[in-house]
């Protein structure tokens, strides 16, 4: 009886651990962006999920040389001349039908050049990192940044 109780407790504990690990392996959360060229911390992006659709907003600029009141003067859509802090940079991302460990189908804005790209988000290291690939056309025609989970 005691042995069965221990096995049951172990199974429940492993199940809870797996559920927590799975919850962390989504793009939802607060992410620190790292510039892929300079390797410097640039910003904090909060990705949220509503009805299976993920959206990411720039929450804070970390680069000391960045202007806190920066606007997206190169944007060509409704974000033109709007403040970068608080701006939605990622839109319309959903979990991939073909790969449940990947989220895609949306777009990402680079506020430095005002251009939007297709985006693919792939959590790694048990949800501690996020590979963010922006591309035009096919995913092989793009670049990837690795973001680090803050929360």
C-alpha atoms as a PDB file:
ATOM      1  CA  UNK A   1       0.000   0.000   0.000  1.00  0.00           C
ATOM      2  CA  UNK A   2       2.769   2.442   0.944  1.00  0.00           C
ATOM      3  CA  UNK A   3       4.686   1.536  -2.221  1.00  0.00           C
ATOM      4  CA  UNK A   4       1.594   2.227  -4.384  1.00  0.00           C
ATOM      5  CA  UNK A   5       1.097   5.565  -2.645  1.00  0.00           C
ATOM      6  CA  UNK A   6       4.729   6.535  -3.342  1.00  0.00           C
ATOM      7  CA  UNK A   7       4.386   5.555  -7.005  1.00  0.00           C
ATOM      8  CA  UNK A   8       1.178   7.550  -7.287  1.00  0.00           C
ATOM      9  CA  UNK A   9       2.793  10.586  -5.645  1.00  0.00           C
ATOM     10  CA  UNK A  10       5.802  10.269  -7.969  1.00  0.00           C
ATOM     11  CA  UNK A  11       3.552   9.998 -11.029  1.00  0.00           C
ATOM     12  CA  UNK A  12       1.556  13.072  -9.984  1.00  0.00           C
ATOM     13  CA  UNK A  13       4.769  15.013  -9.321  1.00  0.00           C
ATOM     14  CA  UNK A  14       6.214  14.088 -12.719  1.00  0.00           C
ATOM     15  CA  UNK A  15       2.937  15.004 -14.388  1.00  0.00           C
ATOM     16  CA  UNK A  16       2.918  18.439 -12.754  1.00  0.00           C
ATOM     17  CA  UNK A  17       6.573  18.981 -13.690  1.00  0.00           C
ATOM     18  CA  UNK A  18       5.816  18.047 -17.308  1.00  0.00           C
ATOM     19  CA  UNK A  19       2.839  20.422 -17.377  1.00  0.00           C
ATOM     20  CA  UNK A  20       4.943  23.281 -16.011  1.00  0.00           C
ATOM     21  CA  UNK A  21       7.757  22.534 -18.469  1.00  0.00           C
ATOM     22  CA  UNK A  22       5.259  22.431 -21.340  1.00  0.00           C
ATOM     23  CA  UNK A  23       3.720  25.736 -20.267  1.00  0.00           C
ATOM     24  CA  UNK A  24       7.166  27.356 -20.298  1.00  0.00           C
ATOM     25  CA  UNK A  25       7.883  26.001 -23.814  1.00  0.00           C
ATOM     26  CA  UNK A  26       5.582  28.516 -25.514  1.00  0.00           C
ATOM     27  CA  UNK A  27       6.457  31.975 -26.787  1.00  0.00           C
ATOM     28  CA  UNK A  28       4.260  33.610 -24.118  1.00  0.00           C
ATOM     29  CA  UNK A  29       6.252  35.565 -21.548  1.00  0.00           C
ATOM     30  CA  UNK A  30       8.688  38.421 -21.135  1.00  0.00           C
ATOM     31  CA  UNK A  31      11.783  38.203 -23.348  1.00  0.00           C
ATOM     32  CA  UNK A  32      15.070  40.072 -23.406  1.00  0.00           C
ATOM     33  CA  UNK A  33      16.173  40.757 -26.972  1.00  0.00           C
ATOM     34  CA  UNK A  34      19.839  40.440 -27.821  1.00  0.00           C
ATOM     35  CA  UNK A  35      21.273  42.135 -30.906  1.00  0.00           C
ATOM     36  CA  UNK A  36      22.618  39.370 -33.156  1.00  0.00           C
ATOM     37  CA  UNK A  37      25.556  41.519 -34.297  1.00  0.00           C
ATOM     38  CA  UNK A  38      26.678  43.481 -31.221  1.00  0.00           C
ATOM     39  CA  UNK A  39      25.404  40.857 -28.705  1.00  0.00           C
ATOM     40  CA  UNK A  40      24.110  43.717 -26.527  1.00  0.00           C
ATOM     41  CA  UNK A  41      20.775  43.675 -24.705  1.00  0.00           C
ATOM     42  CA  UNK A  42      18.313  45.825 -26.611  1.00  0.00           C
ATOM     43  CA  UNK A  43      14.812  45.587 -25.199  1.00  0.00           C
ATOM     44  CA  UNK A  44      12.130  43.672 -23.333  1.00  0.00           C
ATOM     45  CA  UNK A  45       9.285  42.226 -25.399  1.00  0.00           C
ATOM     46  CA  UNK A  46       6.167  40.799 -23.763  1.00  0.00           C
ATOM     47  CA  UNK A  47       4.467  38.102 -25.812  1.00  0.00           C
ATOM     48  CA  UNK A  48       0.880  37.304 -24.872  1.00  0.00           C
ATOM     49  CA  UNK A  49      -1.637  34.779 -26.175  1.00  0.00           C
ATOM     50  CA  UNK A  50      -5.321  35.412 -26.779  1.00  0.00           C
ATOM     51  CA  UNK A  51      -7.458  32.714 -28.355  1.00  0.00           C
ATOM     52  CA  UNK A  52      -4.410  30.867 -29.703  1.00  0.00           C
ATOM     53  CA  UNK A  53      -2.945  33.993 -31.352  1.00  0.00           C
ATOM     54  CA  UNK A  54       0.326  35.438 -30.043  1.00  0.00           C
ATOM     55  CA  UNK A  55       1.182  39.144 -30.014  1.00  0.00           C
ATOM     56  CA  UNK A  56       4.382  40.835 -28.847  1.00  0.00           C
ATOM     57  CA  UNK A  57       4.777  44.383 -27.560  1.00  0.00           C
ATOM     58  CA  UNK A  58       7.955  46.281 -26.815  1.00  0.00           C
ATOM     59  CA  UNK A  59       7.811  46.940 -23.092  1.00  0.00           C
ATOM     60  CA  UNK A  60      11.164  48.595 -22.381  1.00  0.00           C
ATOM     61  CA  UNK A  61      14.325  49.732 -24.161  1.00  0.00           C
ATOM     62  CA  UNK A  62      17.497  48.455 -22.462  1.00  0.00           C
ATOM     63  CA  UNK A  63      20.118  50.010 -24.724  1.00  0.00           C
ATOM     64  CA  UNK A  64      21.418  53.111 -22.890  1.00  0.00           C
ATOM     65  CA  UNK A  65      22.057  54.848 -26.216  1.00  0.00           C
ATOM     66  CA  UNK A  66      18.417  54.402 -27.339  1.00  0.00           C
ATOM     67  CA  UNK A  67      16.137  57.408 -27.073  1.00  0.00           C
ATOM     68  CA  UNK A  68      13.349  56.605 -24.574  1.00  0.00           C
ATOM     69  CA  UNK A  69      10.875  58.610 -26.666  1.00  0.00           C
ATOM     70  CA  UNK A  70      11.883  56.996 -29.986  1.00  0.00           C
ATOM     71  CA  UNK A  71       9.195  56.737 -32.657  1.00  0.00           C
ATOM     72  CA  UNK A  72       8.950  54.499 -35.694  1.00  0.00           C
ATOM     73  CA  UNK A  73       9.456  57.175 -38.331  1.00  0.00           C
ATOM     74  CA  UNK A  74      10.286  54.583 -41.013  1.00  0.00           C
ATOM     75  CA  UNK A  75       7.114  52.538 -40.473  1.00  0.00           C
ATOM     76  CA  UNK A  76       4.678  52.634 -43.387  1.00  0.00           C
ATOM     77  CA  UNK A  77       1.528  51.380 -41.638  1.00  0.00           C
ATOM     78  CA  UNK A  78      -0.576  52.655 -38.733  1.00  0.00           C
ATOM     79  CA  UNK A  79       2.516  52.520 -36.494  1.00  0.00           C
ATOM     80  CA  UNK A  80       4.221  55.361 -38.389  1.00  0.00           C
ATOM     81  CA  UNK A  81       5.489  58.086 -36.051  1.00  0.00           C
ATOM     82  CA  UNK A  82       4.123  56.219 -33.006  1.00  0.00           C
ATOM     83  CA  UNK A  83       6.272  55.591 -29.897  1.00  0.00           C
ATOM     84  CA  UNK A  84       8.309  52.403 -30.116  1.00  0.00           C
ATOM     85  CA  UNK A  85       7.826  51.639 -26.403  1.00  0.00           C
ATOM     86  CA  UNK A  86       4.388  50.051 -26.139  1.00  0.00           C
ATOM     87  CA  UNK A  87       4.292  49.255 -29.861  1.00  0.00           C
ATOM     88  CA  UNK A  88       3.057  45.884 -31.116  1.00  0.00           C
ATOM     89  CA  UNK A  89       5.987  44.341 -32.981  1.00  0.00           C
ATOM     90  CA  UNK A  90       4.693  40.771 -33.384  1.00  0.00           C
ATOM     91  CA  UNK A  91       1.203  40.047 -34.745  1.00  0.00           C
ATOM     92  CA  UNK A  92      -0.867  37.055 -35.796  1.00  0.00           C
ATOM     93  CA  UNK A  93       1.428  34.208 -34.701  1.00  0.00           C
ATOM     94  CA  UNK A  94      -0.157  30.778 -34.121  1.00  0.00           C
ATOM     95  CA  UNK A  95       1.121  27.336 -33.252  1.00  0.00           C
ATOM     96  CA  UNK A  96       2.245  25.520 -36.388  1.00  0.00           C
ATOM     97  CA  UNK A  97       0.017  22.712 -37.632  1.00  0.00           C
ATOM     98  CA  UNK A  98       3.029  20.724 -38.840  1.00  0.00           C
ATOM     99  CA  UNK A  99       5.319  21.257 -35.818  1.00  0.00           C
ATOM    100  CA  UNK A 100       3.740  21.794 -32.381  1.00  0.00           C
ATOM    101  CA  UNK A 101       7.089  23.116 -31.057  1.00  0.00           C
ATOM    102  CA  UNK A 102       6.995  26.085 -33.423  1.00  0.00           C
ATOM    103  CA  UNK A 103       4.794  29.164 -33.841  1.00  0.00           C
ATOM    104  CA  UNK A 104       4.488  31.022 -37.137  1.00  0.00           C
ATOM    105  CA  UNK A 105       2.049  32.538 -39.625  1.00  0.00           C
ATOM    106  CA  UNK A 106       2.369  36.083 -38.367  1.00  0.00           C
ATOM    107  CA  UNK A 107       4.663  39.025 -38.842  1.00  0.00           C
ATOM    108  CA  UNK A 108       7.326  40.944 -36.972  1.00  0.00           C
ATOM    109  CA  UNK A 109       8.228  44.605 -37.343  1.00  0.00           C
ATOM    110  CA  UNK A 110      11.819  45.828 -37.201  1.00  0.00           C
ATOM    111  CA  UNK A 111      11.318  49.358 -35.820  1.00  0.00           C
ATOM    112  CA  UNK A 112      14.854  50.307 -36.871  1.00  0.00           C
ATOM    113  CA  UNK A 113      14.007  50.097 -40.577  1.00  0.00           C
ATOM    114  CA  UNK A 114      10.176  50.090 -40.516  1.00  0.00           C
ATOM    115  CA  UNK A 115       9.995  46.786 -42.421  1.00  0.00           C
ATOM    116  CA  UNK A 116       7.791  43.837 -41.561  1.00  0.00           C
ATOM    117  CA  UNK A 117       8.826  40.241 -42.057  1.00  0.00           C
ATOM    118  CA  UNK A 118       7.196  36.862 -41.705  1.00  0.00           C
ATOM    119  CA  UNK A 119       8.130  35.381 -38.348  1.00  0.00           C
ATOM    120  CA  UNK A 120       8.807  31.977 -36.841  1.00  0.00           C
ATOM    121  CA  UNK A 121       9.144  31.529 -33.059  1.00  0.00           C
ATOM    122  CA  UNK A 122      10.813  28.401 -31.680  1.00  0.00           C
ATOM    123  CA  UNK A 123      11.306  27.983 -27.922  1.00  0.00           C
ATOM    124  CA  UNK A 124      14.500  26.220 -26.862  1.00  0.00           C
ATOM    125  CA  UNK A 125      16.250  24.996 -23.746  1.00  0.00           C
ATOM    126  CA  UNK A 126      12.952  24.035 -22.110  1.00  0.00           C
ATOM    127  CA  UNK A 127      11.470  27.469 -22.783  1.00  0.00           C
ATOM    128  CA  UNK A 128      14.451  29.503 -21.528  1.00  0.00           C
ATOM    129  CA  UNK A 129      15.304  30.835 -24.989  1.00  0.00           C
ATOM    130  CA  UNK A 130      13.300  31.816 -28.041  1.00  0.00           C
ATOM    131  CA  UNK A 131      14.679  31.617 -31.579  1.00  0.00           C
ATOM    132  CA  UNK A 132      13.008  34.472 -33.453  1.00  0.00           C
ATOM    133  CA  UNK A 133      13.415  34.140 -37.209  1.00  0.00           C
ATOM    134  CA  UNK A 134      12.336  36.996 -39.440  1.00  0.00           C
ATOM    135  CA  UNK A 135      12.237  36.278 -43.161  1.00  0.00           C
ATOM    136  CA  UNK A 136      10.920  37.214 -46.570  1.00  0.00           C
ATOM    137  CA  UNK A 137       9.403  34.412 -48.632  1.00  0.00           C
ATOM    138  CA  UNK A 138      10.892  31.199 -47.220  1.00  0.00           C
ATOM    139  CA  UNK A 139      12.329  30.784 -43.684  1.00  0.00           C
ATOM    140  CA  UNK A 140      15.750  29.990 -45.148  1.00  0.00           C
ATOM    141  CA  UNK A 141      15.856  33.579 -46.446  1.00  0.00           C
ATOM    142  CA  UNK A 142      16.112  35.421 -43.158  1.00  0.00           C
ATOM    143  CA  UNK A 143      17.956  35.818 -39.910  1.00  0.00           C
ATOM    144  CA  UNK A 144      17.482  34.553 -36.395  1.00  0.00           C
ATOM    145  CA  UNK A 145      17.899  36.263 -33.049  1.00  0.00           C
ATOM    146  CA  UNK A 146      17.927  34.333 -29.798  1.00  0.00           C
ATOM    147  CA  UNK A 147      15.912  35.984 -27.051  1.00  0.00           C
ATOM    148  CA  UNK A 148      16.213  35.067 -23.369  1.00  0.00           C
ATOM    149  CA  UNK A 149      13.225  34.523 -21.084  1.00  0.00           C
ATOM    150  CA  UNK A 150      12.976  37.020 -18.218  1.00  0.00           C
ATOM    151  CA  UNK A 151       9.671  35.648 -16.853  1.00  0.00           C
END
